[in-house]
Amino acid sequence: MQTIQTIEQTIQENLAVMLYFSAPTCNVCHALKPKLLEAIDRNFKEFTIVTVDISVEQEIAAHFSVFAIPTVLVFLDGREFLRKSRHMSVDEVIREIRRPYEIMIS
């Protein structure tokens, strides 16, 4: 079971972290997740990905002010850099992360 503290620790200890908020009843979440995770893995080698099921971990969702699913939060160097909810494309997420990520790891 994840906690707010373990997720916050993951964010602080890793250069790039993605939190993926979803729920078992969300069909969009299930369609987007494998495509997004594969694109992140293919494009960015230093990413840690944490999946949060908001039906089980409502406190974590509230802590990060997540009120819609799917929601993606990207943290670069410990700071929230990107927040996308509901309507997003994989290409859009990758495009918005690429330049700051490459600057950060160079």
PDB file of N, CA and C in Angstrom:
ATOM      1  N   MET A   1       0.837  -1.190   0.000  1.00  0.00           N
ATOM      2  CA  MET A   1       0.000   0.000   0.000  1.00  0.00           C
ATOM      3  C   MET A   1       0.876   1.246   0.000  1.00  0.00           C
ATOM      4  N   GLN A   2       0.570   2.166  -0.885  1.00  0.00           N
ATOM      5  CA  GLN A   2       1.318   3.416  -0.974  1.00  0.00           C
ATOM      6  C   GLN A   2       0.806   4.403   0.071  1.00  0.00           C
ATOM      7  N   THR A   3       1.685   5.312   0.444  1.00  0.00           N
ATOM      8  CA  THR A   3       1.288   6.395   1.333  1.00  0.00           C
ATOM      9  C   THR A   3       1.725   7.714   0.715  1.00  0.00           C
ATOM     10  N   ILE A   4       1.171   8.791   1.236  1.00  0.00           N
ATOM     11  CA  ILE A   4       1.594  10.115   0.772  1.00  0.00           C
ATOM     12  C   ILE A   4       3.093  10.280   1.009  1.00  0.00           C
ATOM     13  N   GLN A   5       3.564   9.805   2.154  1.00  0.00           N
ATOM     14  CA  GLN A   5       4.983   9.945   2.498  1.00  0.00           C
ATOM     15  C   GLN A   5       5.885   9.178   1.538  1.00  0.00           C
ATOM     16  N   THR A   6       5.501   7.950   1.172  1.00  0.00           N
ATOM     17  CA  THR A   6       6.352   7.188   0.252  1.00  0.00           C
ATOM     18  C   THR A   6       6.369   7.814  -1.137  1.00  0.00           C
ATOM     19  N   ILE A   7       5.241   8.354  -1.560  1.00  0.00           N
ATOM     20  CA  ILE A   7       5.201   9.008  -2.873  1.00  0.00           C
ATOM     21  C   ILE A   7       6.018  10.292  -2.842  1.00  0.00           C
ATOM     22  N   GLU A   8       5.872  11.083  -1.793  1.00  0.00           N
ATOM     23  CA  GLU A   8       6.673  12.313  -1.662  1.00  0.00           C
ATOM     24  C   GLU A   8       8.162  11.983  -1.636  1.00  0.00           C
ATOM     25  N   GLN A   9       8.528  10.904  -0.967  1.00  0.00           N
ATOM     26  CA  GLN A   9       9.926  10.478  -0.917  1.00  0.00           C
ATOM     27  C   GLN A   9      10.414  10.069  -2.311  1.00  0.00           C
ATOM     28  N   THR A  10       9.584   9.354  -3.053  1.00  0.00           N
ATOM     29  CA  THR A  10       9.922   8.963  -4.425  1.00  0.00           C
ATOM     30  C   THR A  10      10.161  10.203  -5.283  1.00  0.00           C
ATOM     31  N   ILE A  11       9.306  11.203  -5.128  1.00  0.00           N
ATOM     32  CA  ILE A  11       9.442  12.445  -5.905  1.00  0.00           C
ATOM     33  C   ILE A  11      10.757  13.135  -5.579  1.00  0.00           C
ATOM     34  N   GLN A  12      11.134  13.160  -4.307  1.00  0.00           N
ATOM     35  CA  GLN A  12      12.366  13.844  -3.902  1.00  0.00           C
ATOM     36  C   GLN A  12      13.633  13.072  -4.282  1.00  0.00           C
ATOM     37  N   GLU A  13      13.550  11.751  -4.318  1.00  0.00           N
ATOM     38  CA  GLU A  13      14.731  10.923  -4.559  1.00  0.00           C
ATOM     39  C   GLU A  13      15.010  10.635  -6.026  1.00  0.00           C
ATOM     40  N   ASN A  14      14.069  10.943  -6.904  1.00  0.00           N
ATOM     41  CA  ASN A  14      14.245  10.635  -8.322  1.00  0.00           C
ATOM     42  C   ASN A  14      14.186  11.904  -9.160  1.00  0.00           C
ATOM     43  N   LEU A  15      14.949  11.905 -10.219  1.00  0.00           N
ATOM     44  CA  LEU A  15      15.033  13.067 -11.097  1.00  0.00           C
ATOM     45  C   LEU A  15      13.714  13.369 -11.805  1.00  0.00           C
ATOM     46  N   ALA A  16      13.036  12.325 -12.272  1.00  0.00           N
ATOM     47  CA  ALA A  16      11.786  12.495 -13.017  1.00  0.00           C
ATOM     48  C   ALA A  16      10.785  11.453 -12.540  1.00  0.00           C
ATOM     49  N   VAL A  17       9.595  11.926 -12.143  1.00  0.00           N
ATOM     50  CA  VAL A  17       8.561  11.029 -11.624  1.00  0.00           C
ATOM     51  C   VAL A  17       7.230  11.376 -12.280  1.00  0.00           C
ATOM     52  N   MET A  18       6.510  10.343 -12.674  1.00  0.00           N
ATOM     53  CA  MET A  18       5.150  10.524 -13.176  1.00  0.00           C
ATOM     54  C   MET A  18       4.202   9.815 -12.228  1.00  0.00           C
ATOM     55  N   LEU A  19       3.173  10.534 -11.783  1.00  0.00           N
ATOM     56  CA  LEU A  19       2.085   9.928 -11.028  1.00  0.00           C
ATOM     57  C   LEU A  19       0.918   9.774 -11.986  1.00  0.00           C
ATOM     58  N   TYR A  20       0.398   8.568 -12.079  1.00  0.00           N
ATOM     59  CA  TYR A  20      -0.732   8.281 -12.961  1.00  0.00           C
ATOM     60  C   TYR A  20      -1.917   7.893 -12.092  1.00  0.00           C
ATOM     61  N   PHE A  21      -2.925   8.756 -12.040  1.00  0.00           N
ATOM     62  CA  PHE A  21      -4.112   8.536 -11.222  1.00  0.00           C
ATOM     63  C   PHE A  21      -5.217   7.945 -12.086  1.00  0.00           C
ATOM     64  N   SER A  22      -5.786   6.831 -11.619  1.00  0.00           N
ATOM     65  CA  SER A  22      -6.855   6.180 -12.368  1.00  0.00           C
ATOM     66  C   SER A  22      -7.753   5.421 -11.394  1.00  0.00           C
ATOM     67  N   ALA A  23      -8.719   4.702 -11.952  1.00  0.00           N
ATOM     68  CA  ALA A  23      -9.617   3.860 -11.162  1.00  0.00           C
ATOM     69  C   ALA A  23     -10.042   2.674 -12.017  1.00  0.00           C
ATOM     70  N   PRO A  24     -10.405   1.571 -11.390  1.00  0.00           N
ATOM     71  CA  PRO A  24     -10.799   0.379 -12.148  1.00  0.00           C
ATOM     72  C   PRO A  24     -11.995   0.597 -13.069  1.00  0.00           C
ATOM     73  N   THR A  25     -12.854   1.544 -12.748  1.00  0.00           N
ATOM     74  CA  THR A  25     -14.053   1.775 -13.557  1.00  0.00           C
ATOM     75  C   THR A  25     -13.833   2.739 -14.716  1.00  0.00           C
ATOM     76  N   CYS A  26     -12.621   3.240 -14.870  1.00  0.00           N
ATOM     77  CA  CYS A  26     -12.314   4.249 -15.896  1.00  0.00           C
ATOM     78  C   CYS A  26     -11.763   3.583 -17.157  1.00  0.00           C
ATOM     79  N   ASN A  27     -12.595   3.494 -18.190  1.00  0.00           N
ATOM     80  CA  ASN A  27     -12.158   2.865 -19.440  1.00  0.00           C
ATOM     81  C   ASN A  27     -11.086   3.690 -20.145  1.00  0.00           C
ATOM     82  N   VAL A  28     -11.194   4.999 -20.098  1.00  0.00           N
ATOM     83  CA  VAL A  28     -10.187   5.861 -20.718  1.00  0.00           C
ATOM     84  C   VAL A  28      -8.830   5.635 -20.046  1.00  0.00           C
ATOM     85  N   CYS A  29      -8.851   5.519 -18.726  1.00  0.00           N
ATOM     86  CA  CYS A  29      -7.607   5.276 -17.968  1.00  0.00           C
ATOM     87  C   CYS A  29      -6.911   4.010 -18.459  1.00  0.00           C
ATOM     88  N   HIS A  30      -7.693   2.949 -18.640  1.00  0.00           N
ATOM     89  CA  HIS A  30      -7.127   1.662 -19.053  1.00  0.00           C
ATOM     90  C   HIS A  30      -6.633   1.681 -20.492  1.00  0.00           C
ATOM     91  N   ALA A  31      -7.254   2.472 -21.344  1.00  0.00           N
ATOM     92  CA  ALA A  31      -6.807   2.585 -22.737  1.00  0.00           C
ATOM     93  C   ALA A  31      -5.546   3.433 -22.839  1.00  0.00           C
ATOM     94  N   LEU A  32      -5.474   4.502 -22.051  1.00  0.00           N
ATOM     95  CA  LEU A  32      -4.348   5.435 -22.122  1.00  0.00           C
ATOM     96  C   LEU A  32      -3.093   4.900 -21.446  1.00  0.00           C
ATOM     97  N   LYS A  33      -3.254   4.249 -20.322  1.00  0.00           N
ATOM     98  CA  LYS A  33      -2.108   3.858 -19.487  1.00  0.00           C
ATOM     99  C   LYS A  33      -1.024   3.073 -20.227  1.00  0.00           C
ATOM    100  N   PRO A  34      -1.323   1.961 -20.896  1.00  0.00           N
ATOM    101  CA  PRO A  34      -0.226   1.212 -21.540  1.00  0.00           C
ATOM    102  C   PRO A  34       0.479   2.017 -22.628  1.00  0.00           C
ATOM    103  N   LYS A  35      -0.271   2.817 -23.361  1.00  0.00           N
ATOM    104  CA  LYS A  35       0.344   3.625 -24.422  1.00  0.00           C
ATOM    105  C   LYS A  35       1.258   4.691 -23.829  1.00  0.00           C
ATOM    106  N   LEU A  36       0.788   5.340 -22.778  1.00  0.00           N
ATOM    107  CA  LEU A  36       1.576   6.397 -22.145  1.00  0.00           C
ATOM    108  C   LEU A  36       2.822   5.826 -21.469  1.00  0.00           C
ATOM    109  N   LEU A  37       2.688   4.735 -20.745  1.00  0.00           N
ATOM    110  CA  LEU A  37       3.837   4.146 -20.062  1.00  0.00           C
ATOM    111  C   LEU A  37       4.886   3.657 -21.053  1.00  0.00           C
ATOM    112  N   GLU A  38       4.441   3.089 -22.151  1.00  0.00           N
ATOM    113  CA  GLU A  38       5.381   2.621 -23.168  1.00  0.00           C
ATOM    114  C   GLU A  38       6.107   3.805 -23.815  1.00  0.00           C
ATOM    115  N   ALA A  39       5.398   4.891 -24.067  1.00  0.00           N
ATOM    116  CA  ALA A  39       6.016   6.086 -24.666  1.00  0.00           C
ATOM    117  C   ALA A  39       7.012   6.732 -23.704  1.00  0.00           C
ATOM    118  N   ILE A  40       6.673   6.782 -22.432  1.00  0.00           N
ATOM    119  CA  ILE A  40       7.596   7.332 -21.432  1.00  0.00           C
ATOM    120  C   ILE A  40       8.849   6.469 -21.371  1.00  0.00           C
ATOM    121  N   ASP A  41       8.677   5.168 -21.314  1.00  0.00           N
ATOM    122  CA  ASP A  41       9.812   4.241 -21.243  1.00  0.00           C
ATOM    123  C   ASP A  41      10.698   4.347 -22.480  1.00  0.00           C
ATOM    124  N   ARG A  42      10.090   4.508 -23.636  1.00  0.00           N
ATOM    125  CA  ARG A  42      10.834   4.587 -24.891  1.00  0.00           C
ATOM    126  C   ARG A  42      11.594   5.914 -25.030  1.00  0.00           C
ATOM    127  N   ASN A  43      11.032   7.007 -24.515  1.00  0.00           N
ATOM    128  CA  ASN A  43      11.609   8.334 -24.720  1.00  0.00           C
ATOM    129  C   ASN A  43      12.465   8.867 -23.571  1.00  0.00           C
ATOM    130  N   PHE A  44      12.206   8.392 -22.369  1.00  0.00           N
ATOM    131  CA  PHE A  44      12.880   8.946 -21.192  1.00  0.00           C
ATOM    132  C   PHE A  44      13.348   7.814 -20.287  1.00  0.00           C
ATOM    133  N   LYS A  45      14.634   7.624 -20.191  1.00  0.00           N
ATOM    134  CA  LYS A  45      15.174   6.493 -19.429  1.00  0.00           C
ATOM    135  C   LYS A  45      15.178   6.712 -17.921  1.00  0.00           C
ATOM    136  N   GLU A  46      15.142   7.945 -17.486  1.00  0.00           N
ATOM    137  CA  GLU A  46      15.263   8.250 -16.059  1.00  0.00           C
ATOM    138  C   GLU A  46      13.925   8.497 -15.366  1.00  0.00           C
ATOM    139  N   PHE A  47      12.844   7.943 -15.853  1.00  0.00           N
ATOM    140  CA  PHE A  47      11.530   8.199 -15.266  1.00  0.00           C
ATOM    141  C   PHE A  47      11.124   7.096 -14.298  1.00  0.00           C
ATOM    142  N   THR A  48      10.590   7.501 -13.154  1.00  0.00           N
ATOM    143  CA  THR A  48       9.954   6.587 -12.216  1.00  0.00           C
ATOM    144  C   THR A  48       8.453   6.822 -12.337  1.00  0.00           C
ATOM    145  N   ILE A  49       7.690   5.749 -12.474  1.00  0.00           N
ATOM    146  CA  ILE A  49       6.247   5.882 -12.662  1.00  0.00           C
ATOM    147  C   ILE A  49       5.534   5.248 -11.474  1.00  0.00           C
ATOM    148  N   VAL A  50       4.613   6.017 -10.899  1.00  0.00           N
ATOM    149  CA  VAL A  50       3.809   5.555  -9.775  1.00  0.00           C
ATOM    150  C   VAL A  50       2.347   5.617 -10.201  1.00  0.00           C
ATOM    151  N   THR A  51       1.648   4.505 -10.075  1.00  0.00           N
ATOM    152  CA  THR A  51       0.230   4.452 -10.406  1.00  0.00           C
ATOM    153  C   THR A  51      -0.578   4.506  -9.115  1.00  0.00           C
ATOM    154  N   VAL A  52      -1.584   5.364  -9.104  1.00  0.00           N
ATOM    155  CA  VAL A  52      -2.431   5.532  -7.918  1.00  0.00           C
ATOM    156  C   VAL A  52      -3.879   5.212  -8.303  1.00  0.00           C
ATOM    157  N   ASP A  53      -4.452   4.233  -7.633  1.00  0.00           N
ATOM    158  CA  ASP A  53      -5.855   3.871  -7.817  1.00  0.00           C
ATOM    159  C   ASP A  53      -6.671   4.725  -6.843  1.00  0.00           C
ATOM    160  N   ILE A  54      -7.377   5.712  -7.374  1.00  0.00           N
ATOM    161  CA  ILE A  54      -8.077   6.639  -6.485  1.00  0.00           C
ATOM    162  C   ILE A  54      -9.282   6.003  -5.798  1.00  0.00           C
ATOM    163  N   SER A  55      -9.731   4.867  -6.264  1.00  0.00           N
ATOM    164  CA  SER A  55     -10.841   4.199  -5.575  1.00  0.00           C
ATOM    165  C   SER A  55     -10.372   3.596  -4.250  1.00  0.00           C
ATOM    166  N   VAL A  56      -9.077   3.354  -4.146  1.00  0.00           N
ATOM    167  CA  VAL A  56      -8.493   2.794  -2.927  1.00  0.00           C
ATOM    168  C   VAL A  56      -7.745   3.870  -2.134  1.00  0.00           C
ATOM    169  N   GLU A  57      -7.065   4.736  -2.847  1.00  0.00           N
ATOM    170  CA  GLU A  57      -6.179   5.713  -2.200  1.00  0.00           C
ATOM    171  C   GLU A  57      -6.687   7.143  -2.405  1.00  0.00           C
ATOM    172  N   GLN A  58      -7.868   7.403  -1.856  1.00  0.00           N
ATOM    173  CA  GLN A  58      -8.504   8.714  -2.008  1.00  0.00           C
ATOM    174  C   GLN A  58      -7.710   9.818  -1.320  1.00  0.00           C
ATOM    175  N   GLU A  59      -7.071   9.500  -0.197  1.00  0.00           N
ATOM    176  CA  GLU A  59      -6.263  10.498   0.522  1.00  0.00           C
ATOM    177  C   GLU A  59      -5.118  11.010  -0.343  1.00  0.00           C
ATOM    178  N   ILE A  60      -4.507  10.108  -1.076  1.00  0.00           N
ATOM    179  CA  ILE A  60      -3.389  10.501  -1.945  1.00  0.00           C
ATOM    180  C   ILE A  60      -3.898  11.409  -3.051  1.00  0.00           C
ATOM    181  N   ALA A  61      -5.018  11.069  -3.661  1.00  0.00           N
ATOM    182  CA  ALA A  61      -5.602  11.914  -4.703  1.00  0.00           C
ATOM    183  C   ALA A  61      -5.913  13.299  -4.150  1.00  0.00           C
ATOM    184  N   ALA A  62      -6.504  13.354  -2.975  1.00  0.00           N
ATOM    185  CA  ALA A  62      -6.832  14.647  -2.359  1.00  0.00           C
ATOM    186  C   ALA A  62      -5.568  15.447  -2.054  1.00  0.00           C
ATOM    187  N   HIS A  63      -4.539  14.778  -1.573  1.00  0.00           N
ATOM    188  CA  HIS A  63      -3.272  15.451  -1.255  1.00  0.00           C
ATOM    189  C   HIS A  63      -2.689  16.151  -2.485  1.00  0.00           C
ATOM    190  N   PHE A  64      -2.805  15.503  -3.642  1.00  0.00           N
ATOM    191  CA  PHE A  64      -2.264  16.066  -4.876  1.00  0.00           C
ATOM    192  C   PHE A  64      -3.318  16.849  -5.663  1.00  0.00           C
ATOM    193  N   SER A  65      -4.459  17.122  -5.056  1.00  0.00           N
ATOM    194  CA  SER A  65      -5.549  17.888  -5.679  1.00  0.00           C
ATOM    195  C   SER A  65      -5.985  17.295  -7.009  1.00  0.00           C
ATOM    196  N   VAL A  66      -6.167  15.995  -7.016  1.00  0.00           N
ATOM    197  CA  VAL A  66      -6.633  15.290  -8.211  1.00  0.00           C
ATOM    198  C   VAL A  66      -8.123  15.010  -8.039  1.00  0.00           C
ATOM    199  N   PHE A  67      -8.922  15.574  -8.943  1.00  0.00           N
ATOM    200  CA  PHE A  67     -10.376  15.456  -8.845  1.00  0.00           C
ATOM    201  C   PHE A  67     -11.006  14.820 -10.080  1.00  0.00           C
ATOM    202  N   ALA A  68     -10.204  14.491 -11.079  1.00  0.00           N
ATOM    203  CA  ALA A  68     -10.700  13.863 -12.303  1.00  0.00           C
ATOM    204  C   ALA A  68      -9.701  12.782 -12.715  1.00  0.00           C
ATOM    205  N   ILE A  69     -10.197  11.790 -13.434  1.00  0.00           N
ATOM    206  CA  ILE A  69      -9.300  10.746 -13.926  1.00  0.00           C
ATOM    207  C   ILE A  69      -9.528  10.530 -15.409  1.00  0.00           C
ATOM    208  N   PRO A  70      -8.532  10.134 -16.149  1.00  0.00           N
ATOM    209  CA  PRO A  70      -7.161   9.984 -15.687  1.00  0.00           C
ATOM    210  C   PRO A  70      -6.494  11.341 -15.460  1.00  0.00           C
ATOM    211  N   THR A  71      -5.575  11.364 -14.527  1.00  0.00           N
ATOM    212  CA  THR A  71      -4.740  12.547 -14.306  1.00  0.00           C
ATOM    213  C   THR A  71      -3.289  12.096 -14.273  1.00  0.00           C
ATOM    214  N   VAL A  72      -2.447  12.871 -14.939  1.00  0.00           N
ATOM    215  CA  VAL A  72      -1.011  12.634 -14.969  1.00  0.00           C
ATOM    216  C   VAL A  72      -0.331  13.839 -14.342  1.00  0.00           C
ATOM    217  N   LEU A  73       0.519  13.580 -13.365  1.00  0.00           N
ATOM    218  CA  LEU A  73       1.367  14.625 -12.788  1.00  0.00           C
ATOM    219  C   LEU A  73       2.811  14.239 -13.062  1.00  0.00           C
ATOM    220  N   VAL A  74       3.573  15.186 -13.578  1.00  0.00           N
ATOM    221  CA  VAL A  74       4.989  14.946 -13.841  1.00  0.00           C
ATOM    222  C   VAL A  74       5.796  15.877 -12.945  1.00  0.00           C
ATOM    223  N   PHE A  75       6.727  15.283 -12.229  1.00  0.00           N
ATOM    224  CA  PHE A  75       7.623  16.032 -11.350  1.00  0.00           C
ATOM    225  C   PHE A  75       9.035  15.923 -11.916  1.00  0.00           C
ATOM    226  N   LEU A  76       9.673  17.051 -12.122  1.00  0.00           N
ATOM    227  CA  LEU A  76      11.061  17.093 -12.569  1.00  0.00           C
ATOM    228  C   LEU A  76      11.873  17.767 -11.474  1.00  0.00           C
ATOM    229  N   ASP A  77      12.909  17.081 -11.018  1.00  0.00           N
ATOM    230  CA  ASP A  77      13.786  17.586  -9.965  1.00  0.00           C
ATOM    231  C   ASP A  77      12.988  17.998  -8.722  1.00  0.00           C
ATOM    232  N   GLY A  78      11.984  17.191  -8.364  1.00  0.00           N
ATOM    233  CA  GLY A  78      11.218  17.407  -7.148  1.00  0.00           C
ATOM    234  C   GLY A  78      10.088  18.409  -7.230  1.00  0.00           C
ATOM    235  N   ARG A  79       9.884  19.014  -8.387  1.00  0.00           N
ATOM    236  CA  ARG A  79       8.831  20.029  -8.534  1.00  0.00           C
ATOM    237  C   ARG A  79       7.808  19.596  -9.577  1.00  0.00           C
ATOM    238  N   GLU A  80       6.549  19.928  -9.294  1.00  0.00           N
ATOM    239  CA  GLU A  80       5.512  19.605 -10.273  1.00  0.00           C
ATOM    240  C   GLU A  80       5.747  20.442 -11.519  1.00  0.00           C
ATOM    241  N   PHE A  81       5.868  19.755 -12.641  1.00  0.00           N
ATOM    242  CA  PHE A  81       6.126  20.428 -13.908  1.00  0.00           C
ATOM    243  C   PHE A  81       4.907  20.390 -14.829  1.00  0.00           C
ATOM    244  N   LEU A  82       4.175  19.295 -14.818  1.00  0.00           N
ATOM    245  CA  LEU A  82       3.079  19.117 -15.763  1.00  0.00           C
ATOM    246  C   LEU A  82       1.906  18.443 -15.069  1.00  0.00           C
ATOM    247  N   ARG A  83       0.703  18.917 -15.389  1.00  0.00           N
ATOM    248  CA  ARG A  83      -0.532  18.330 -14.874  1.00  0.00           C
ATOM    249  C   ARG A  83      -1.507  18.252 -16.044  1.00  0.00           C
ATOM    250  N   LYS A  84      -1.942  17.038 -16.337  1.00  0.00           N
ATOM    251  CA  LYS A  84      -2.919  16.815 -17.405  1.00  0.00           C
ATOM    252  C   LYS A  84      -4.043  15.954 -16.853  1.00  0.00           C
ATOM    253  N   SER A  85      -5.272  16.340 -17.144  1.00  0.00           N
ATOM    254  CA  SER A  85      -6.422  15.566 -16.702  1.00  0.00           C
ATOM    255  C   SER A  85      -7.378  15.330 -17.859  1.00  0.00           C
ATOM    256  N   ARG A  86      -8.010  14.193 -17.806  1.00  0.00           N
ATOM    257  CA  ARG A  86      -9.053  13.765 -18.732  1.00  0.00           C
ATOM    258  C   ARG A  86      -8.619  13.716 -20.182  1.00  0.00           C
ATOM    259  N   HIS A  87      -8.627  14.850 -20.860  1.00  0.00           N
ATOM    260  CA  HIS A  87      -8.383  14.867 -22.305  1.00  0.00           C
ATOM    261  C   HIS A  87      -6.923  15.178 -22.583  1.00  0.00           C
ATOM    262  N   MET A  88      -6.189  14.145 -22.972  1.00  0.00           N
ATOM    263  CA  MET A  88      -4.775  14.327 -23.294  1.00  0.00           C
ATOM    264  C   MET A  88      -4.384  13.265 -24.310  1.00  0.00           C
ATOM    265  N   SER A  89      -3.368  13.580 -25.066  1.00  0.00           N
ATOM    266  CA  SER A  89      -2.838  12.574 -25.975  1.00  0.00           C
ATOM    267  C   SER A  89      -1.436  12.204 -25.507  1.00  0.00           C
ATOM    268  N   VAL A  90      -1.018  11.025 -25.865  1.00  0.00           N
ATOM    269  CA  VAL A  90       0.326  10.572 -25.507  1.00  0.00           C
ATOM    270  C   VAL A  90       1.361  11.501 -26.118  1.00  0.00           C
ATOM    271  N   ASP A  91       1.180  11.859 -27.392  1.00  0.00           N
ATOM    272  CA  ASP A  91       2.133  12.741 -28.067  1.00  0.00           C
ATOM    273  C   ASP A  91       2.234  14.097 -27.380  1.00  0.00           C
ATOM    274  N   GLU A  92       1.116  14.617 -26.938  1.00  0.00           N
ATOM    275  CA  GLU A  92       1.087  15.910 -26.253  1.00  0.00           C
ATOM    276  C   GLU A  92       1.895  15.850 -24.950  1.00  0.00           C
ATOM    277  N   VAL A  93       1.714  14.802 -24.177  1.00  0.00           N
ATOM    278  CA  VAL A  93       2.451  14.657 -22.917  1.00  0.00           C
ATOM    279  C   VAL A  93       3.957  14.533 -23.194  1.00  0.00           C
ATOM    280  N   ILE A  94       4.318  13.699 -24.138  1.00  0.00           N
ATOM    281  CA  ILE A  94       5.740  13.504 -24.478  1.00  0.00           C
ATOM    282  C   ILE A  94       6.359  14.808 -24.960  1.00  0.00           C
ATOM    283  N   ARG A  95       5.661  15.511 -25.820  1.00  0.00           N
ATOM    284  CA  ARG A  95       6.162  16.776 -26.371  1.00  0.00           C
ATOM    285  C   ARG A  95       6.411  17.803 -25.258  1.00  0.00           C
ATOM    286  N   GLU A  96       5.510  17.890 -24.299  1.00  0.00           N
ATOM    287  CA  GLU A  96       5.654  18.881 -23.237  1.00  0.00           C
ATOM    288  C   GLU A  96       6.770  18.540 -22.252  1.00  0.00           C
ATOM    289  N   ILE A  97       7.104  17.272 -22.126  1.00  0.00           N
ATOM    290  CA  ILE A  97       8.157  16.849 -21.203  1.00  0.00           C
ATOM    291  C   ILE A  97       9.538  16.904 -21.837  1.00  0.00           C
ATOM    292  N   ARG A  98       9.629  16.630 -23.138  1.00  0.00           N
ATOM    293  CA  ARG A  98      10.919  16.385 -23.798  1.00  0.00           C
ATOM    294  C   ARG A  98      11.990  17.451 -23.546  1.00  0.00           C
ATOM    295  N   ARG A  99      11.724  18.680 -23.867  1.00  0.00           N
ATOM    296  CA  ARG A  99      12.768  19.715 -23.775  1.00  0.00           C
ATOM    297  C   ARG A  99      13.257  19.931 -22.339  1.00  0.00           C
ATOM    298  N   PRO A 100      12.371  20.167 -21.365  1.00  0.00           N
ATOM    299  CA  PRO A 100      12.879  20.351 -20.001  1.00  0.00           C
ATOM    300  C   PRO A 100      13.593  19.106 -19.460  1.00  0.00           C
ATOM    301  N   TYR A 101      13.127  17.926 -19.838  1.00  0.00           N
ATOM    302  CA  TYR A 101      13.781  16.687 -19.407  1.00  0.00           C
ATOM    303  C   TYR A 101      15.201  16.622 -19.964  1.00  0.00           C
ATOM    304  N   GLU A 102      15.337  16.891 -21.262  1.00  0.00           N
ATOM    305  CA  GLU A 102      16.661  16.820 -21.887  1.00  0.00           C
ATOM    306  C   GLU A 102      17.618  17.869 -21.304  1.00  0.00           C
ATOM    307  N   ILE A 103      17.114  19.053 -21.016  1.00  0.00           N
ATOM    308  CA  ILE A 103      17.942  20.087 -20.386  1.00  0.00           C
ATOM    309  C   ILE A 103      18.370  19.623 -18.999  1.00  0.00           C
ATOM    310  N   MET A 104      17.468  19.041 -18.269  1.00  0.00           N
ATOM    311  CA  MET A 104      17.742  18.626 -16.902  1.00  0.00           C
ATOM    312  C   MET A 104      18.797  17.511 -16.827  1.00  0.00           C
ATOM    313  N   ILE A 105      18.770  16.559 -17.763  1.00  0.00           N
ATOM    314  CA  ILE A 105      19.712  15.448 -17.684  1.00  0.00           C
ATOM    315  C   ILE A 105      21.023  15.718 -18.425  1.00  0.00           C
ATOM    316  N   SER A 106      21.116  16.824 -19.150  1.00  0.00           N
ATOM    317  CA  SER A 106      22.358  17.085 -19.896  1.00  0.00           C
ATOM    318  C   SER A 106      23.415  17.717 -19.024  1.00  0.00           C
TER     319      SER A 106
END
